[in-house]
Every structure is written in C-alpha cells, then in structure tokens.
C-alpha cells in the first residue's frame, strides 16, 4: 500500500512504532481525506522481534490508543499481509470489523475456513468486538470458475458476502505504477466503479450495525 501511494517515502514506518524505536506513530498525508501510516519490507521482521514480548498480540492496539486515532479519523483501515502471523493477529486484536478480500479461485476459497477459525479464536480470547463484516470477491470475471466459486461461497456463508464484487481489471494493476489510487488514475474504469459500489455497500452495512 505504501509503495502504491507514496513510492518516494523515506522515513519511520509502522515497524519502528511496533518495536518502540519511535515514540509517535508516523503518519503521512496522501490527500486531505486519506492519511497513511507507511510500512516497508522491515515489517517482515516484526514476528521474530516481538515473538517474546509481553502481550505481543496487543502492541498495535496500544500504539493506536496512544496516537488517539479513534478521535482523529472516521475509519482506520488495517491492511494485513496474506498470512496469519503476529502482524495479522495484532490487527485483528485492534479491529472491530473485518473485511476478507477473496480471489474467486479454488485455493483461496478453501483457505476461508482457516481464516474464519482464526478470527473466532481472536474474538473468544482477545477481542470480543472482532467479527467478519463481510467477504469481498475480487478479480472476478464472467468465467465458469468465478461464477462457481461465488455460488459456493454464497451457499456456504450467505449474506455475509458483499453483493459488490471487484472485476478483474488491468487498470487496477496499472495504478500502483503511478503511485495513485484507482480513482485518481482512471475513475471511469471498471475497477474504480466496482470499488465505489463496494464502499457504498460497506458504509450502508456499517450504519445498520
């Protein structure tokens, strides 16, 4: 995400905040309505460095509370790596609503049970507020495979799947090369239209909670 939106950034990141190397949460302003806590490849070392820390699963929560982010922002989005390690555990412990992006292919679909069990464990033992707000189907295309995965997913978990789905779109892959969001890069492409529809559906779902 940092590479996609702030490629020229050079400074402290979330890694330094989590490991106590900086006192304040580093925040950079992308636009008036979008601020970013940057990350870099050094974040991959957090699992090892914090493996013996006391209450290591709550370090991110403490950093966010200290920075008073809930008083400054309407939404704080935690972009997790595609693994169930310590970074993701910290994110789930700090979060209330969890959105799972799911590529409409067989293997990601099979891994959904593991993710669900992990979130249930976090909810029971660490953060009762953590719950799955919805599953977002991504890289969808009008193929038999995509349609079949979507059908099985809706049969398995029902309304928790968002009606919005993100179609496979080359413009989504191009936007990070320009360090721009898809709305700034090409607001008329299918990718931008799909994400706008998803954002609207997400906000509607949040207001119904």
N, C-alpha and C. Protein backbone atom coordinates (compact mmCIF):
# COMPACT_ATOMS: atom_id res chain seq x y z
N UNK A 1 0.83 -1.20 0.00
CA UNK A 1 0.00 0.00 0.00
C UNK A 1 0.87 1.25 0.00
N UNK A 2 1.93 1.24 0.79
CA UNK A 2 2.84 2.39 0.82
C UNK A 2 3.51 2.58 -0.53
N UNK A 3 3.94 1.51 -1.15
CA UNK A 3 4.55 1.59 -2.48
C UNK A 3 3.57 2.14 -3.50
N UNK A 4 2.31 1.75 -3.37
CA UNK A 4 1.29 2.16 -4.33
C UNK A 4 0.92 3.62 -4.20
N UNK A 5 0.99 4.18 -2.98
CA UNK A 5 0.51 5.54 -2.76
C UNK A 5 1.60 6.55 -2.43
N UNK A 6 2.75 6.07 -1.95
CA UNK A 6 3.80 7.00 -1.53
C UNK A 6 5.17 6.41 -1.84
N UNK A 7 5.43 6.18 -3.10
CA UNK A 7 6.64 5.46 -3.51
C UNK A 7 7.93 6.19 -3.13
N UNK A 8 7.87 7.53 -3.01
CA UNK A 8 9.09 8.28 -2.70
C UNK A 8 9.33 8.46 -1.20
N UNK A 9 8.48 7.82 -0.39
CA UNK A 9 8.59 7.99 1.06
C UNK A 9 9.88 7.40 1.60
N UNK A 10 10.49 8.10 2.56
CA UNK A 10 11.71 7.61 3.21
C UNK A 10 11.73 8.13 4.64
N UNK A 11 11.35 7.29 5.58
CA UNK A 11 11.29 7.72 6.97
C UNK A 11 10.82 6.59 7.86
N UNK A 12 10.41 6.92 9.08
CA UNK A 12 9.94 5.91 10.03
C UNK A 12 8.65 5.26 9.53
N UNK A 13 8.46 4.01 9.90
CA UNK A 13 7.29 3.25 9.45
C UNK A 13 6.59 2.60 10.64
N UNK A 14 5.57 1.82 10.35
CA UNK A 14 4.84 1.11 11.40
C UNK A 14 5.76 0.12 12.11
N UNK A 15 6.78 -0.36 11.43
CA UNK A 15 7.75 -1.27 12.06
C UNK A 15 8.42 -0.59 13.26
N UNK A 16 8.89 0.64 13.06
CA UNK A 16 9.54 1.35 14.15
C UNK A 16 8.57 1.63 15.30
N UNK A 17 7.30 1.88 14.97
CA UNK A 17 6.31 2.14 16.01
C UNK A 17 6.01 0.88 16.82
N UNK A 18 5.89 -0.25 16.15
CA UNK A 18 5.58 -1.51 16.84
C UNK A 18 6.74 -1.99 17.71
N UNK A 19 7.95 -1.71 17.30
CA UNK A 19 9.13 -2.19 18.03
C UNK A 19 9.67 -1.14 19.01
N UNK A 20 8.98 -0.01 19.15
CA UNK A 20 9.37 1.00 20.12
C UNK A 20 10.56 1.84 19.74
N UNK A 21 10.92 1.83 18.46
CA UNK A 21 12.07 2.62 18.01
C UNK A 21 11.73 4.09 17.80
N UNK A 22 10.44 4.41 17.71
CA UNK A 22 9.99 5.81 17.65
C UNK A 22 8.87 5.99 18.67
N UNK A 23 8.73 7.20 19.16
CA UNK A 23 7.74 7.49 20.20
C UNK A 23 6.35 7.71 19.64
N UNK A 24 6.26 8.33 18.47
CA UNK A 24 4.96 8.66 17.89
C UNK A 24 4.70 7.84 16.63
N UNK A 25 3.42 7.63 16.35
CA UNK A 25 3.02 6.89 15.16
C UNK A 25 3.31 7.73 13.92
N UNK A 26 4.13 7.24 13.00
CA UNK A 26 4.43 8.04 11.80
C UNK A 26 3.24 8.07 10.84
N UNK A 27 2.82 9.26 10.48
CA UNK A 27 1.66 9.42 9.59
C UNK A 27 2.04 10.40 8.48
N UNK A 28 1.73 10.03 7.25
CA UNK A 28 1.95 10.94 6.13
C UNK A 28 0.60 11.23 5.46
N UNK A 29 0.46 12.44 4.94
CA UNK A 29 -0.80 12.87 4.34
C UNK A 29 -0.76 12.62 2.84
N UNK A 30 -1.62 11.72 2.37
CA UNK A 30 -1.72 11.44 0.94
C UNK A 30 -2.64 12.47 0.29
N UNK A 31 -3.84 12.63 0.87
CA UNK A 31 -4.78 13.68 0.48
C UNK A 31 -5.38 14.22 1.77
N UNK A 32 -6.26 15.22 1.65
CA UNK A 32 -6.91 15.77 2.84
C UNK A 32 -7.70 14.71 3.59
N UNK A 33 -8.25 13.75 2.86
CA UNK A 33 -9.11 12.75 3.48
C UNK A 33 -8.47 11.38 3.61
N UNK A 34 -7.21 11.27 3.25
CA UNK A 34 -6.52 9.98 3.34
C UNK A 34 -5.12 10.18 3.90
N UNK A 35 -4.90 9.64 5.10
CA UNK A 35 -3.58 9.65 5.71
C UNK A 35 -3.08 8.21 5.80
N UNK A 36 -1.79 8.05 5.77
CA UNK A 36 -1.20 6.71 5.70
C UNK A 36 -0.10 6.54 6.74
N UNK A 37 -0.15 5.44 7.47
CA UNK A 37 0.98 5.02 8.30
C UNK A 37 1.80 4.08 7.42
N UNK A 38 2.97 4.50 6.98
CA UNK A 38 3.71 3.72 5.99
C UNK A 38 4.31 2.43 6.56
N UNK A 39 4.58 1.52 5.66
CA UNK A 39 5.26 0.27 6.01
C UNK A 39 6.36 0.03 4.98
N UNK A 40 7.24 -0.88 5.29
CA UNK A 40 8.30 -1.27 4.36
C UNK A 40 8.60 -2.75 4.57
N UNK A 41 9.57 -3.25 3.85
CA UNK A 41 9.90 -4.67 3.97
C UNK A 41 10.40 -5.04 5.37
N UNK A 42 10.82 -4.04 6.15
CA UNK A 42 11.29 -4.34 7.51
C UNK A 42 10.16 -4.89 8.38
N UNK A 43 8.92 -4.66 7.99
CA UNK A 43 7.79 -5.17 8.77
C UNK A 43 7.83 -6.70 8.86
N UNK A 44 8.46 -7.33 7.89
CA UNK A 44 8.57 -8.79 7.90
C UNK A 44 9.36 -9.30 9.10
N UNK A 45 10.16 -8.43 9.73
CA UNK A 45 10.98 -8.85 10.87
C UNK A 45 10.22 -8.77 12.20
N UNK A 46 9.02 -8.19 12.19
CA UNK A 46 8.28 -7.98 13.44
C UNK A 46 7.96 -9.30 14.14
N UNK A 47 7.55 -10.30 13.39
CA UNK A 47 7.20 -11.57 14.01
C UNK A 47 8.33 -12.12 14.86
N UNK A 48 9.56 -12.01 14.36
CA UNK A 48 10.72 -12.52 15.09
C UNK A 48 11.06 -11.62 16.27
N UNK A 49 11.07 -10.30 16.04
CA UNK A 49 11.49 -9.37 17.09
C UNK A 49 10.53 -9.31 18.27
N UNK A 50 9.24 -9.51 17.99
CA UNK A 50 8.25 -9.40 19.07
C UNK A 50 7.77 -10.76 19.58
N UNK A 51 8.40 -11.82 19.13
CA UNK A 51 7.92 -13.17 19.49
C UNK A 51 7.95 -13.44 20.99
N UNK A 52 8.83 -12.77 21.72
CA UNK A 52 8.93 -12.99 23.17
C UNK A 52 8.42 -11.80 23.98
N UNK A 53 7.84 -10.81 23.30
CA UNK A 53 7.35 -9.62 24.01
C UNK A 53 6.11 -9.95 24.83
N UNK A 54 5.97 -9.30 25.98
CA UNK A 54 4.78 -9.48 26.81
C UNK A 54 3.58 -8.86 26.11
N UNK A 55 2.44 -9.58 26.09
CA UNK A 55 1.21 -9.11 25.44
C UNK A 55 1.49 -8.68 24.00
N UNK A 56 2.26 -9.50 23.29
CA UNK A 56 2.69 -9.13 21.94
C UNK A 56 1.54 -8.96 20.96
N UNK A 57 0.40 -9.62 21.23
CA UNK A 57 -0.74 -9.52 20.31
C UNK A 57 -1.49 -8.19 20.45
N UNK A 58 -1.17 -7.41 21.49
CA UNK A 58 -1.88 -6.15 21.74
C UNK A 58 -1.02 -4.91 21.50
N UNK A 59 0.16 -5.08 20.94
CA UNK A 59 1.08 -3.94 20.76
C UNK A 59 0.48 -2.90 19.82
N UNK A 60 -0.10 -3.35 18.71
CA UNK A 60 -0.70 -2.40 17.77
C UNK A 60 -1.84 -1.63 18.42
N UNK A 61 -2.67 -2.31 19.20
CA UNK A 61 -3.77 -1.63 19.90
C UNK A 61 -3.24 -0.52 20.79
N UNK A 62 -2.18 -0.79 21.51
CA UNK A 62 -1.59 0.21 22.41
C UNK A 62 -1.04 1.39 21.62
N UNK A 63 -0.41 1.12 20.49
CA UNK A 63 0.14 2.20 19.65
C UNK A 63 -0.98 3.09 19.12
N UNK A 64 -2.08 2.48 18.68
CA UNK A 64 -3.20 3.25 18.13
C UNK A 64 -3.91 4.06 19.21
N UNK A 65 -4.05 3.49 20.39
CA UNK A 65 -4.67 4.23 21.50
C UNK A 65 -3.81 5.42 21.89
N UNK A 66 -2.50 5.20 21.99
CA UNK A 66 -1.58 6.28 22.35
C UNK A 66 -1.63 7.42 21.33
N UNK A 67 -1.82 7.08 20.05
CA UNK A 67 -1.87 8.08 18.99
C UNK A 67 -3.25 8.72 18.86
N UNK A 68 -4.22 8.23 19.64
CA UNK A 68 -5.59 8.77 19.65
C UNK A 68 -6.21 8.78 18.26
N UNK A 69 -6.00 7.72 17.52
CA UNK A 69 -6.51 7.69 16.14
C UNK A 69 -8.03 7.67 16.07
N UNK A 70 -8.67 7.05 17.06
CA UNK A 70 -10.14 6.97 17.02
C UNK A 70 -10.79 8.34 17.14
N UNK A 71 -10.09 9.29 17.73
CA UNK A 71 -10.62 10.65 17.87
C UNK A 71 -10.31 11.50 16.64
N UNK A 72 -9.39 11.05 15.81
CA UNK A 72 -8.94 11.85 14.67
C UNK A 72 -9.54 11.40 13.34
N UNK A 73 -9.96 10.14 13.26
CA UNK A 73 -10.38 9.59 11.97
C UNK A 73 -11.74 8.90 12.08
N UNK A 74 -12.50 8.96 10.98
CA UNK A 74 -13.78 8.25 10.91
C UNK A 74 -13.55 6.74 10.79
N UNK A 75 -12.55 6.38 9.99
CA UNK A 75 -12.22 4.96 9.79
C UNK A 75 -10.71 4.79 9.83
N UNK A 76 -10.28 3.73 10.49
CA UNK A 76 -8.87 3.34 10.47
C UNK A 76 -8.82 1.96 9.81
N UNK A 77 -8.22 1.88 8.64
CA UNK A 77 -8.15 0.64 7.88
C UNK A 77 -6.78 -0.02 8.10
N UNK A 78 -6.80 -1.27 8.51
CA UNK A 78 -5.57 -2.01 8.76
C UNK A 78 -5.37 -3.01 7.62
N UNK A 79 -4.40 -2.75 6.79
CA UNK A 79 -4.13 -3.59 5.62
C UNK A 79 -3.21 -4.73 6.03
N UNK A 80 -3.73 -5.94 6.06
CA UNK A 80 -2.98 -7.08 6.60
C UNK A 80 -2.22 -7.84 5.52
N UNK A 81 -1.11 -8.47 5.89
CA UNK A 81 -0.40 -9.33 4.95
C UNK A 81 -1.20 -10.62 4.73
N UNK A 82 -0.93 -11.34 3.64
CA UNK A 82 -1.68 -12.57 3.34
C UNK A 82 -1.18 -13.76 4.16
N UNK A 83 -1.15 -13.60 5.48
CA UNK A 83 -0.73 -14.68 6.36
C UNK A 83 -1.37 -14.47 7.72
N UNK A 84 -1.37 -15.51 8.54
CA UNK A 84 -1.97 -15.42 9.86
C UNK A 84 -0.89 -15.37 10.94
N UNK A 85 0.09 -14.49 10.74
CA UNK A 85 1.18 -14.33 11.68
C UNK A 85 0.88 -13.28 12.73
N UNK A 86 1.93 -12.80 13.39
CA UNK A 86 1.78 -11.87 14.51
C UNK A 86 1.23 -10.52 14.07
N UNK A 87 1.60 -10.06 12.89
CA UNK A 87 1.09 -8.77 12.39
C UNK A 87 -0.42 -8.84 12.20
N UNK A 88 -0.90 -9.90 11.58
CA UNK A 88 -2.35 -10.07 11.38
C UNK A 88 -3.06 -10.25 12.71
N UNK A 89 -2.46 -11.00 13.62
CA UNK A 89 -3.04 -11.17 14.95
C UNK A 89 -3.19 -9.83 15.66
N UNK A 90 -2.19 -8.97 15.56
CA UNK A 90 -2.27 -7.64 16.15
C UNK A 90 -3.39 -6.82 15.53
N UNK A 91 -3.53 -6.93 14.21
CA UNK A 91 -4.59 -6.19 13.51
C UNK A 91 -5.97 -6.65 13.96
N UNK A 92 -6.17 -7.96 14.06
CA UNK A 92 -7.46 -8.50 14.49
C UNK A 92 -7.77 -8.15 15.94
N UNK A 93 -6.72 -8.07 16.76
CA UNK A 93 -6.91 -7.71 18.16
C UNK A 93 -7.30 -6.24 18.30
N UNK A 94 -6.87 -5.41 17.35
CA UNK A 94 -7.17 -3.98 17.41
C UNK A 94 -8.46 -3.62 16.69
N UNK A 95 -8.94 -4.50 15.81
CA UNK A 95 -10.05 -4.17 14.92
C UNK A 95 -11.42 -4.50 15.52
N UNK A 96 -12.43 -3.92 14.92
CA UNK A 96 -13.81 -4.29 15.23
C UNK A 96 -14.42 -5.04 14.06
N UNK A 97 -14.30 -4.47 12.87
CA UNK A 97 -14.92 -5.05 11.67
C UNK A 97 -13.84 -5.56 10.73
N UNK A 98 -14.01 -6.79 10.29
CA UNK A 98 -13.01 -7.43 9.43
C UNK A 98 -13.63 -7.71 8.06
N UNK A 99 -12.98 -7.21 7.02
CA UNK A 99 -13.39 -7.48 5.64
C UNK A 99 -12.36 -8.42 5.02
N UNK A 100 -12.83 -9.53 4.48
CA UNK A 100 -11.93 -10.51 3.87
C UNK A 100 -12.04 -10.41 2.35
N UNK A 101 -10.99 -9.92 1.68
CA UNK A 101 -11.00 -9.97 0.21
C UNK A 101 -10.66 -11.38 -0.24
N UNK A 102 -11.45 -11.92 -1.14
CA UNK A 102 -11.27 -13.31 -1.55
C UNK A 102 -11.22 -13.40 -3.07
N UNK A 103 -10.07 -13.82 -3.59
CA UNK A 103 -9.93 -14.01 -5.03
C UNK A 103 -10.84 -15.17 -5.44
N UNK A 104 -11.56 -15.00 -6.54
CA UNK A 104 -12.55 -16.01 -6.94
C UNK A 104 -11.86 -17.19 -7.63
N UNK A 105 -11.03 -17.89 -6.85
CA UNK A 105 -10.35 -19.09 -7.31
C UNK A 105 -10.46 -20.16 -6.23
N UNK A 106 -10.09 -21.38 -6.56
CA UNK A 106 -10.34 -22.53 -5.69
C UNK A 106 -9.53 -22.47 -4.39
N UNK A 107 -8.22 -22.24 -4.47
CA UNK A 107 -7.38 -22.32 -3.28
C UNK A 107 -7.72 -21.26 -2.23
N UNK A 108 -7.92 -19.99 -2.59
CA UNK A 108 -8.35 -19.02 -1.58
C UNK A 108 -9.68 -19.41 -0.93
N UNK A 109 -10.57 -19.97 -1.70
CA UNK A 109 -11.87 -20.41 -1.16
C UNK A 109 -11.67 -21.49 -0.11
N UNK A 110 -10.77 -22.42 -0.37
CA UNK A 110 -10.51 -23.50 0.59
C UNK A 110 -9.85 -22.98 1.86
N UNK A 111 -9.11 -21.87 1.77
CA UNK A 111 -8.45 -21.31 2.95
C UNK A 111 -9.36 -20.49 3.83
N UNK A 112 -10.60 -20.27 3.39
CA UNK A 112 -11.52 -19.40 4.13
C UNK A 112 -11.85 -19.97 5.51
N UNK A 113 -11.98 -21.29 5.62
CA UNK A 113 -12.29 -21.92 6.90
C UNK A 113 -11.21 -21.64 7.94
N UNK A 114 -9.95 -21.68 7.52
CA UNK A 114 -8.84 -21.40 8.42
C UNK A 114 -8.90 -19.96 8.93
N UNK A 115 -9.18 -19.02 8.03
CA UNK A 115 -9.28 -17.61 8.42
C UNK A 115 -10.43 -17.42 9.40
N UNK A 116 -11.57 -18.04 9.12
CA UNK A 116 -12.74 -17.91 9.99
C UNK A 116 -12.45 -18.46 11.38
N UNK A 117 -11.79 -19.61 11.47
CA UNK A 117 -11.44 -20.20 12.76
C UNK A 117 -10.48 -19.29 13.53
N UNK A 118 -9.56 -18.68 12.82
CA UNK A 118 -8.58 -17.77 13.44
C UNK A 118 -9.29 -16.56 14.04
N UNK A 119 -10.22 -15.98 13.29
CA UNK A 119 -10.96 -14.81 13.77
C UNK A 119 -11.83 -15.18 14.97
N UNK A 120 -12.45 -16.34 14.93
CA UNK A 120 -13.27 -16.79 16.06
C UNK A 120 -12.42 -16.96 17.32
N UNK A 121 -11.20 -17.45 17.16
CA UNK A 121 -10.29 -17.60 18.30
C UNK A 121 -9.94 -16.23 18.89
N UNK A 122 -9.64 -15.27 18.01
CA UNK A 122 -9.32 -13.91 18.46
C UNK A 122 -10.51 -13.31 19.19
N UNK A 123 -11.70 -13.51 18.65
CA UNK A 123 -12.92 -12.96 19.26
C UNK A 123 -13.17 -13.55 20.64
N UNK A 124 -12.93 -14.84 20.80
CA UNK A 124 -13.17 -15.51 22.08
C UNK A 124 -12.14 -15.12 23.14
N UNK A 125 -10.88 -15.02 22.75
CA UNK A 125 -9.80 -14.90 23.73
C UNK A 125 -9.19 -13.51 23.87
N UNK A 126 -9.28 -12.69 22.81
CA UNK A 126 -8.54 -11.43 22.83
C UNK A 126 -9.39 -10.20 22.59
N UNK A 127 -10.35 -10.28 21.69
CA UNK A 127 -11.09 -9.09 21.28
C UNK A 127 -12.53 -9.46 20.91
N UNK A 128 -13.46 -9.37 21.85
CA UNK A 128 -14.86 -9.76 21.58
C UNK A 128 -15.51 -8.93 20.48
N UNK A 129 -14.96 -7.75 20.19
CA UNK A 129 -15.54 -6.89 19.15
C UNK A 129 -15.19 -7.35 17.74
N UNK A 130 -14.16 -8.15 17.61
CA UNK A 130 -13.72 -8.57 16.27
C UNK A 130 -14.72 -9.51 15.63
N UNK A 131 -15.17 -9.16 14.45
CA UNK A 131 -16.10 -10.03 13.72
C UNK A 131 -15.97 -9.76 12.22
N UNK A 132 -16.39 -10.73 11.42
CA UNK A 132 -16.33 -10.56 9.98
C UNK A 132 -17.53 -9.74 9.53
N UNK A 133 -17.27 -8.56 8.99
CA UNK A 133 -18.33 -7.70 8.48
C UNK A 133 -18.75 -8.15 7.10
N UNK A 134 -17.83 -8.69 6.34
CA UNK A 134 -18.20 -9.17 5.02
C UNK A 134 -17.01 -9.76 4.27
N UNK A 135 -17.34 -10.50 3.22
CA UNK A 135 -16.34 -11.08 2.32
C UNK A 135 -16.50 -10.42 0.96
N UNK A 136 -15.40 -9.89 0.44
CA UNK A 136 -15.42 -9.18 -0.84
C UNK A 136 -14.75 -10.05 -1.90
N UNK A 137 -15.50 -10.41 -2.93
CA UNK A 137 -14.97 -11.20 -4.03
C UNK A 137 -14.17 -10.28 -4.95
N UNK A 138 -12.92 -10.66 -5.21
CA UNK A 138 -12.05 -9.85 -6.06
C UNK A 138 -11.58 -10.65 -7.27
N UNK A 139 -11.05 -9.90 -8.25
CA UNK A 139 -10.56 -10.50 -9.51
C UNK A 139 -11.62 -11.40 -10.14
N UNK A 140 -12.86 -10.94 -10.04
CA UNK A 140 -13.98 -11.71 -10.59
C UNK A 140 -14.05 -11.52 -12.09
N UNK A 141 -14.39 -12.56 -12.80
CA UNK A 141 -14.62 -12.47 -14.24
C UNK A 141 -15.77 -13.39 -14.60
N UNK A 142 -16.34 -13.18 -15.76
CA UNK A 142 -17.54 -13.93 -16.13
C UNK A 142 -17.27 -15.36 -16.57
N UNK A 143 -16.29 -16.01 -15.94
CA UNK A 143 -15.95 -17.38 -16.30
C UNK A 143 -16.76 -18.36 -15.46
N UNK A 144 -16.77 -19.60 -15.90
CA UNK A 144 -17.47 -20.65 -15.16
C UNK A 144 -16.86 -20.82 -13.77
N UNK A 145 -15.53 -20.68 -13.66
CA UNK A 145 -14.85 -20.83 -12.38
C UNK A 145 -15.29 -19.73 -11.41
N UNK A 146 -15.23 -18.47 -11.83
CA UNK A 146 -15.61 -17.36 -10.96
C UNK A 146 -17.06 -17.49 -10.50
N UNK A 147 -17.92 -17.81 -11.43
CA UNK A 147 -19.34 -17.95 -11.09
C UNK A 147 -19.56 -19.12 -10.13
N UNK A 148 -18.82 -20.21 -10.35
CA UNK A 148 -18.96 -21.37 -9.48
C UNK A 148 -18.47 -21.09 -8.07
N UNK A 149 -17.32 -20.40 -7.94
CA UNK A 149 -16.78 -20.04 -6.62
C UNK A 149 -17.75 -19.12 -5.89
N UNK A 150 -18.27 -18.13 -6.60
CA UNK A 150 -19.22 -17.20 -5.97
C UNK A 150 -20.47 -17.94 -5.49
N UNK A 151 -20.98 -18.84 -6.30
CA UNK A 151 -22.18 -19.60 -5.92
C UNK A 151 -21.93 -20.44 -4.67
N UNK A 152 -20.81 -21.15 -4.64
CA UNK A 152 -20.49 -21.98 -3.48
C UNK A 152 -20.27 -21.13 -2.23
N UNK A 153 -19.64 -19.98 -2.40
CA UNK A 153 -19.38 -19.09 -1.28
C UNK A 153 -20.69 -18.56 -0.68
N UNK A 154 -21.60 -18.15 -1.53
CA UNK A 154 -22.88 -17.63 -1.04
C UNK A 154 -23.71 -18.75 -0.40
N UNK A 155 -23.59 -19.96 -0.92
CA UNK A 155 -24.28 -21.11 -0.31
C UNK A 155 -23.71 -21.40 1.07
N UNK A 156 -22.40 -21.23 1.23
CA UNK A 156 -21.73 -21.59 2.48
C UNK A 156 -21.95 -20.56 3.57
N UNK A 157 -21.88 -19.26 3.24
CA UNK A 157 -21.92 -18.23 4.29
C UNK A 157 -23.03 -17.20 4.10
N UNK A 158 -23.74 -17.26 2.99
CA UNK A 158 -24.94 -16.43 2.81
C UNK A 158 -24.67 -14.95 2.67
N UNK A 159 -25.45 -14.15 3.41
CA UNK A 159 -25.46 -12.69 3.23
C UNK A 159 -24.18 -12.01 3.68
N UNK A 160 -23.28 -12.73 4.31
CA UNK A 160 -22.04 -12.10 4.74
C UNK A 160 -21.18 -11.71 3.53
N UNK A 161 -21.45 -12.33 2.38
CA UNK A 161 -20.74 -11.97 1.15
C UNK A 161 -21.33 -10.67 0.60
N UNK A 162 -20.48 -9.70 0.33
CA UNK A 162 -20.96 -8.44 -0.24
C UNK A 162 -21.57 -8.68 -1.62
N UNK A 163 -22.61 -7.93 -1.94
CA UNK A 163 -23.18 -8.00 -3.28
C UNK A 163 -22.22 -7.44 -4.32
N UNK A 164 -21.45 -6.43 -3.89
CA UNK A 164 -20.43 -5.86 -4.78
C UNK A 164 -19.33 -6.89 -5.00
N UNK A 165 -18.76 -6.87 -6.18
CA UNK A 165 -17.61 -7.72 -6.46
C UNK A 165 -16.68 -6.94 -7.37
N UNK A 166 -15.39 -7.17 -7.22
CA UNK A 166 -14.38 -6.42 -7.97
C UNK A 166 -13.97 -7.22 -9.19
N UNK A 167 -14.32 -6.70 -10.36
CA UNK A 167 -13.99 -7.40 -11.59
C UNK A 167 -12.48 -7.32 -11.89
N UNK A 168 -11.98 -8.34 -12.54
CA UNK A 168 -10.58 -8.34 -12.98
C UNK A 168 -10.40 -7.18 -13.96
N UNK A 169 -9.44 -6.31 -13.68
CA UNK A 169 -9.32 -5.08 -14.46
C UNK A 169 -7.85 -4.64 -14.50
N UNK A 170 -7.29 -4.53 -15.69
CA UNK A 170 -5.88 -4.20 -15.82
C UNK A 170 -5.55 -2.83 -15.26
N UNK A 171 -6.52 -1.93 -15.23
CA UNK A 171 -6.27 -0.59 -14.70
C UNK A 171 -5.94 -0.63 -13.20
N UNK A 172 -6.49 -1.60 -12.49
CA UNK A 172 -6.17 -1.76 -11.07
C UNK A 172 -4.70 -2.13 -10.88
N UNK A 173 -4.17 -2.89 -11.80
CA UNK A 173 -2.76 -3.29 -11.73
C UNK A 173 -1.84 -2.15 -12.17
N UNK A 174 -2.34 -1.26 -13.03
CA UNK A 174 -1.51 -0.17 -13.54
C UNK A 174 -1.39 0.98 -12.55
N UNK A 175 -2.44 1.25 -11.78
CA UNK A 175 -2.48 2.42 -10.90
C UNK A 175 -1.28 2.49 -9.94
N UNK A 176 -0.88 1.39 -9.29
CA UNK A 176 0.27 1.47 -8.37
C UNK A 176 1.57 1.89 -9.05
N UNK A 177 1.70 1.63 -10.34
CA UNK A 177 2.91 2.04 -11.05
C UNK A 177 3.05 3.56 -11.08
N UNK A 178 1.91 4.25 -10.98
CA UNK A 178 1.91 5.72 -10.97
C UNK A 178 1.78 6.27 -9.55
N UNK A 179 1.79 5.38 -8.55
CA UNK A 179 1.61 5.77 -7.14
C UNK A 179 0.32 6.57 -6.95
N UNK A 180 -0.76 6.08 -7.55
CA UNK A 180 -2.05 6.76 -7.47
C UNK A 180 -3.14 5.75 -7.15
N UNK A 181 -4.18 6.23 -6.49
CA UNK A 181 -5.34 5.37 -6.25
C UNK A 181 -6.06 5.16 -7.58
N UNK A 182 -6.89 4.15 -7.64
CA UNK A 182 -7.60 3.87 -8.89
C UNK A 182 -8.55 5.00 -9.26
N UNK A 183 -9.07 5.71 -8.26
CA UNK A 183 -9.99 6.82 -8.54
C UNK A 183 -9.24 8.01 -9.16
N UNK A 184 -8.00 8.21 -8.75
CA UNK A 184 -7.19 9.27 -9.35
C UNK A 184 -6.63 8.85 -10.70
N UNK A 185 -6.39 7.58 -10.85
CA UNK A 185 -5.77 7.07 -12.08
C UNK A 185 -6.77 6.98 -13.23
N UNK A 186 -7.92 6.35 -12.96
CA UNK A 186 -8.95 6.22 -14.00
C UNK A 186 -10.29 5.96 -13.33
N UNK A 187 -10.99 7.03 -12.99
CA UNK A 187 -12.24 6.91 -12.24
C UNK A 187 -13.37 6.28 -13.06
N UNK A 188 -13.17 6.16 -14.36
CA UNK A 188 -14.22 5.61 -15.22
C UNK A 188 -14.03 4.13 -15.56
N UNK A 189 -12.94 3.53 -15.09
CA UNK A 189 -12.71 2.12 -15.41
C UNK A 189 -13.57 1.22 -14.51
N UNK A 190 -13.68 -0.03 -14.89
CA UNK A 190 -14.50 -0.97 -14.13
C UNK A 190 -14.01 -1.13 -12.69
N UNK A 191 -12.68 -1.11 -12.51
CA UNK A 191 -12.14 -1.26 -11.16
C UNK A 191 -12.58 -0.15 -10.23
N UNK A 192 -12.53 1.10 -10.72
CA UNK A 192 -12.95 2.24 -9.91
C UNK A 192 -14.45 2.16 -9.62
N UNK A 193 -15.23 1.84 -10.62
CA UNK A 193 -16.68 1.75 -10.44
C UNK A 193 -17.03 0.66 -9.41
N UNK A 194 -16.34 -0.47 -9.50
CA UNK A 194 -16.61 -1.57 -8.57
C UNK A 194 -16.26 -1.20 -7.13
N UNK A 195 -15.12 -0.54 -6.94
CA UNK A 195 -14.72 -0.16 -5.58
C UNK A 195 -15.62 0.92 -5.00
N UNK A 196 -16.12 1.81 -5.83
CA UNK A 196 -17.07 2.81 -5.35
C UNK A 196 -18.37 2.15 -4.89
N UNK A 197 -18.83 1.18 -5.65
CA UNK A 197 -20.04 0.44 -5.26
C UNK A 197 -19.81 -0.32 -3.96
N UNK A 198 -18.63 -0.92 -3.83
CA UNK A 198 -18.30 -1.63 -2.60
C UNK A 198 -18.26 -0.69 -1.41
N UNK A 199 -17.62 0.48 -1.58
CA UNK A 199 -17.52 1.46 -0.49
C UNK A 199 -18.91 1.88 -0.02
N UNK A 200 -19.81 2.09 -0.97
CA UNK A 200 -21.18 2.47 -0.62
C UNK A 200 -21.88 1.35 0.14
N UNK A 201 -21.72 0.12 -0.33
CA UNK A 201 -22.34 -1.01 0.35
C UNK A 201 -21.74 -1.22 1.74
N UNK A 202 -20.43 -1.06 1.86
CA UNK A 202 -19.77 -1.20 3.16
C UNK A 202 -20.30 -0.17 4.15
N UNK A 203 -20.39 1.08 3.74
CA UNK A 203 -20.89 2.14 4.62
C UNK A 203 -22.33 1.87 5.03
N UNK A 204 -23.14 1.40 4.10
CA UNK A 204 -24.54 1.06 4.43
C UNK A 204 -24.60 -0.07 5.45
N UNK A 205 -23.74 -1.03 5.28
CA UNK A 205 -23.71 -2.16 6.24
C UNK A 205 -23.26 -1.70 7.61
N UNK A 206 -22.30 -0.78 7.65
CA UNK A 206 -21.81 -0.28 8.93
C UNK A 206 -22.88 0.51 9.67
N UNK A 207 -23.69 1.26 8.97
CA UNK A 207 -24.73 2.06 9.63
C UNK A 207 -25.87 1.19 10.16
N UNK A 208 -25.96 -0.05 9.66
CA UNK A 208 -27.02 -0.94 10.12
C UNK A 208 -26.63 -1.74 11.33
N UNK A 209 -25.35 -1.67 11.71
CA UNK A 209 -24.84 -2.44 12.85
C UNK A 209 -25.38 -1.85 14.16
